[in-house]
Amino acid sequence: MALKEKAEIVDADGLRRIVTRIAHEIVERNKGVEDLVLVGIRRRGVPISARLAQKIKDFEGREPAQGSLDITLYRDDLSTVSHQPVVGASEIAVDINGKVVVLVDDVLYTGRTIRAALNELFDFGRPRSVRLAILADRGGRQLPVAPDFLGAKVDLAADEDLVLSNESSRLRLAAVRRPS
């Protein structure tokens, strides 16, 4: 299914500013990087998490621990996604027990991805708290999930999606329309 770009929501410079702001908010709320673990949700949450970690290192002098989750096997729609889904690795190299974990993803829509990520995260341990950092919230929630750190709120029609693209290593966020 080919998607047709409708509008650029946030350009590369705007996205850089959003990532910087969210990084500052995470450090401020956590009062530093002690006991902080950033966990990106595969695929698009992982590079955002890495950018947040780098920004935090730039102004705190210390990079927070990082990890990644592949939620494929935790999805509630797994049987409709693929007969043989491709499962990637989940990697959290630090003990998350008693830590503050910030789940990171690009777009928040129904909340089901976050539910799956929470289910998998607790297989790794019991964090002190879990927070959610999202670049864009497009609404349309089916579960009671809300971001703690948010870049932008975007209202879209039912036949539109938000897409994070990485062109020439410059991230940008665009609204796209599904063909009818």
Protein backbone atom coordinates (compact mmCIF):
# COMPACT_ATOMS: atom_id res chain seq x y z
CA MET A 1 0.00 0.00 0.00
CA ALA A 2 1.55 3.27 -1.13
CA LEU A 3 1.11 6.28 1.09
CA LYS A 4 0.87 9.79 -0.32
CA GLU A 5 2.43 12.58 1.72
CA LYS A 6 -0.14 15.18 2.65
CA ALA A 7 1.89 17.61 4.74
CA GLU A 8 5.10 17.95 6.63
CA ILE A 9 4.18 18.26 10.31
CA VAL A 10 7.64 18.81 11.78
CA ASP A 11 10.81 19.38 9.77
CA ALA A 12 14.29 18.20 10.78
CA ASP A 13 15.07 21.37 12.77
CA GLY A 14 11.74 21.24 14.57
CA LEU A 15 12.30 17.59 15.44
CA ARG A 16 15.75 18.42 16.78
CA ARG A 17 14.20 21.06 19.04
CA ILE A 18 11.51 18.63 20.21
CA VAL A 19 14.11 15.98 21.08
CA THR A 20 16.18 18.57 22.97
CA ARG A 21 13.12 19.77 24.94
CA ILE A 22 12.02 16.23 25.82
CA ALA A 23 15.58 15.35 26.92
CA HIS A 24 15.60 18.36 29.27
CA GLU A 25 12.15 17.46 30.63
CA ILE A 26 13.24 13.86 31.33
CA VAL A 27 16.33 15.00 33.24
CA GLU A 28 14.38 17.65 35.14
CA ARG A 29 11.61 15.26 36.20
CA ASN A 30 14.18 12.60 37.18
CA LYS A 31 16.49 15.16 38.86
CA GLY A 32 19.47 13.93 36.83
CA VAL A 33 20.37 10.68 35.10
CA GLU A 34 20.81 8.52 38.20
CA ASP A 35 18.72 5.32 37.93
CA LEU A 36 17.42 6.40 34.49
CA VAL A 37 16.99 3.90 31.65
CA LEU A 38 15.75 4.92 28.18
CA VAL A 39 14.07 2.05 26.32
CA GLY A 40 13.18 2.50 22.65
CA ILE A 41 10.37 0.50 21.10
CA ARG A 42 11.54 -1.11 17.85
CA ARG A 43 11.70 0.16 15.17
CA ARG A 44 11.26 3.90 15.24
CA GLY A 45 11.52 4.42 18.99
CA VAL A 46 15.10 3.11 19.10
CA PRO A 47 16.76 5.92 17.08
CA ILE A 48 14.73 8.51 18.99
CA SER A 49 15.88 6.99 22.27
CA ALA A 50 19.50 7.15 21.06
CA ARG A 51 19.08 10.83 20.13
CA LEU A 52 17.57 11.58 23.54
CA ALA A 53 20.47 9.79 25.26
CA GLN A 54 23.00 11.81 23.25
CA LYS A 55 21.25 15.10 24.07
CA ILE A 56 21.20 14.18 27.76
CA LYS A 57 24.90 13.35 27.60
CA ASP A 58 25.59 16.71 25.91
CA PHE A 59 24.19 18.73 28.81
CA GLU A 60 24.56 16.34 31.77
CA GLY A 61 27.99 14.91 30.89
CA ARG A 62 26.64 11.40 31.43
CA GLU A 63 24.64 9.20 29.12
CA PRO A 64 21.71 7.29 30.63
CA ALA A 65 21.50 3.52 30.24
CA GLN A 66 19.64 2.41 27.12
CA GLY A 67 17.75 -0.58 25.84
CA SER A 68 15.29 -1.65 23.17
CA LEU A 69 12.15 -3.74 22.99
CA ASP A 70 10.74 -5.70 20.07
CA ILE A 71 7.09 -6.12 21.03
CA THR A 72 6.13 -8.42 18.14
CA LEU A 73 5.26 -11.43 20.31
CA TYR A 74 3.38 -9.22 22.81
CA ARG A 75 0.95 -7.73 20.28
CA ASP A 76 -2.73 -8.50 20.73
CA ASP A 77 -3.17 -8.59 16.93
CA LEU A 78 -0.25 -10.92 16.16
CA SER A 79 -2.38 -13.39 14.22
CA THR A 80 -3.57 -10.63 11.87
CA VAL A 81 -0.13 -9.13 11.29
CA SER A 82 1.60 -12.07 9.66
CA HIS A 83 1.52 -15.84 9.47
CA GLN A 84 5.24 -15.91 10.32
CA PRO A 85 6.13 -12.62 12.03
CA VAL A 86 9.73 -11.49 12.05
CA VAL A 87 10.87 -11.08 15.64
CA GLY A 88 13.85 -8.88 16.46
CA ALA A 89 15.90 -8.83 19.61
CA SER A 90 14.95 -7.02 22.78
CA GLU A 91 18.01 -5.78 24.62
CA ILE A 92 18.16 -4.22 28.05
CA ALA A 93 21.67 -4.75 29.35
CA VAL A 94 21.08 -3.18 32.77
CA ASP A 95 18.99 -4.34 35.70
CA ILE A 96 15.79 -2.25 35.60
CA ASN A 97 14.63 -3.23 39.09
CA GLY A 98 14.07 -0.04 41.08
CA LYS A 99 15.00 2.18 38.11
CA VAL A 100 13.03 4.87 36.30
CA VAL A 101 12.36 3.56 32.80
CA VAL A 102 11.32 5.91 30.02
CA LEU A 103 9.67 4.08 27.12
CA VAL A 104 10.31 5.94 23.86
CA ASP A 105 8.32 5.74 20.62
CA ASP A 106 7.55 7.97 17.66
CA VAL A 107 3.74 8.14 17.39
CA LEU A 108 1.06 7.36 19.96
CA TYR A 109 -2.22 6.23 18.43
CA THR A 110 -4.42 3.50 19.98
CA GLY A 111 -2.17 2.75 22.97
CA ARG A 112 -1.86 -0.94 22.08
CA THR A 113 1.85 -0.70 21.26
CA ILE A 114 2.50 0.79 24.68
CA ARG A 115 0.42 -1.92 26.37
CA ALA A 116 2.52 -4.58 24.61
CA ALA A 117 5.75 -2.77 25.55
CA LEU A 118 4.72 -2.62 29.21
CA ASN A 119 3.94 -6.34 29.21
CA GLU A 120 7.38 -7.14 27.80
CA LEU A 121 9.21 -4.61 29.96
CA PHE A 122 7.96 -6.28 33.15
CA ASP A 123 9.50 -9.56 31.93
CA PHE A 124 12.85 -7.79 32.44
CA GLY A 125 12.13 -6.70 36.02
CA ARG A 126 10.15 -4.33 38.20
CA PRO A 127 11.08 -0.68 37.64
CA ARG A 128 10.37 1.96 40.27
CA SER A 129 8.34 3.82 37.65
CA VAL A 130 7.69 3.79 33.93
CA ARG A 131 7.22 6.97 31.93
CA LEU A 132 6.37 7.48 28.28
CA ALA A 133 8.12 9.82 25.81
CA ILE A 134 6.42 10.30 22.44
CA LEU A 135 7.28 12.56 19.50
CA ALA A 136 3.68 12.95 18.34
CA ASP A 137 0.25 12.06 19.70
CA ARG A 138 -2.29 11.62 16.91
CA GLY A 139 -5.25 10.81 19.16
CA GLY A 140 -7.59 7.87 18.61
CA ARG A 141 -6.84 6.08 21.87
CA GLN A 142 -8.43 2.69 22.52
CA LEU A 143 -6.65 2.19 25.84
CA PRO A 144 -6.08 4.63 28.73
CA VAL A 145 -2.50 5.58 27.82
CA ALA A 146 -1.07 9.10 28.01
CA PRO A 147 2.47 10.37 27.39
CA ASP A 148 4.53 11.95 30.17
CA PHE A 149 6.77 13.70 27.63
CA LEU A 150 5.21 14.84 24.35
CA GLY A 151 6.66 16.60 21.33
CA ALA A 152 3.49 17.52 19.40
CA LYS A 153 -0.24 16.85 19.38
CA VAL A 154 -1.53 16.30 15.84
CA ASP A 155 -5.16 15.85 14.79
CA LEU A 156 -5.56 13.57 11.79
CA ALA A 157 -8.45 12.13 9.80
CA ALA A 158 -9.16 8.41 10.05
CA ASP A 159 -7.54 7.75 6.66
CA GLU A 160 -4.29 9.52 7.59
CA ASP A 161 -1.16 8.32 9.36
CA LEU A 162 1.89 9.99 10.85
CA VAL A 163 5.19 8.77 9.43
CA LEU A 164 8.64 9.40 10.84
CA SER A 165 11.16 9.35 8.00
CA ASN A 166 14.92 9.35 8.18
CA GLU A 167 16.16 10.93 4.99
CA SER A 168 19.87 11.69 4.81
CA SER A 169 20.03 11.09 8.60
CA ARG A 170 17.61 14.01 9.15
CA LEU A 171 14.42 12.90 10.90
CA ARG A 172 11.14 14.51 9.88
CA LEU A 173 7.50 13.84 10.71
CA ALA A 174 4.86 13.93 7.98
CA ALA A 175 1.15 13.28 7.68
CA VAL A 176 0.29 10.84 4.91
CA ARG A 177 -3.01 9.81 3.38
CA ARG A 178 -3.81 6.18 2.68
CA PRO A 179 -5.07 5.64 -0.88
CA SER A 180 -8.79 4.95 -1.17
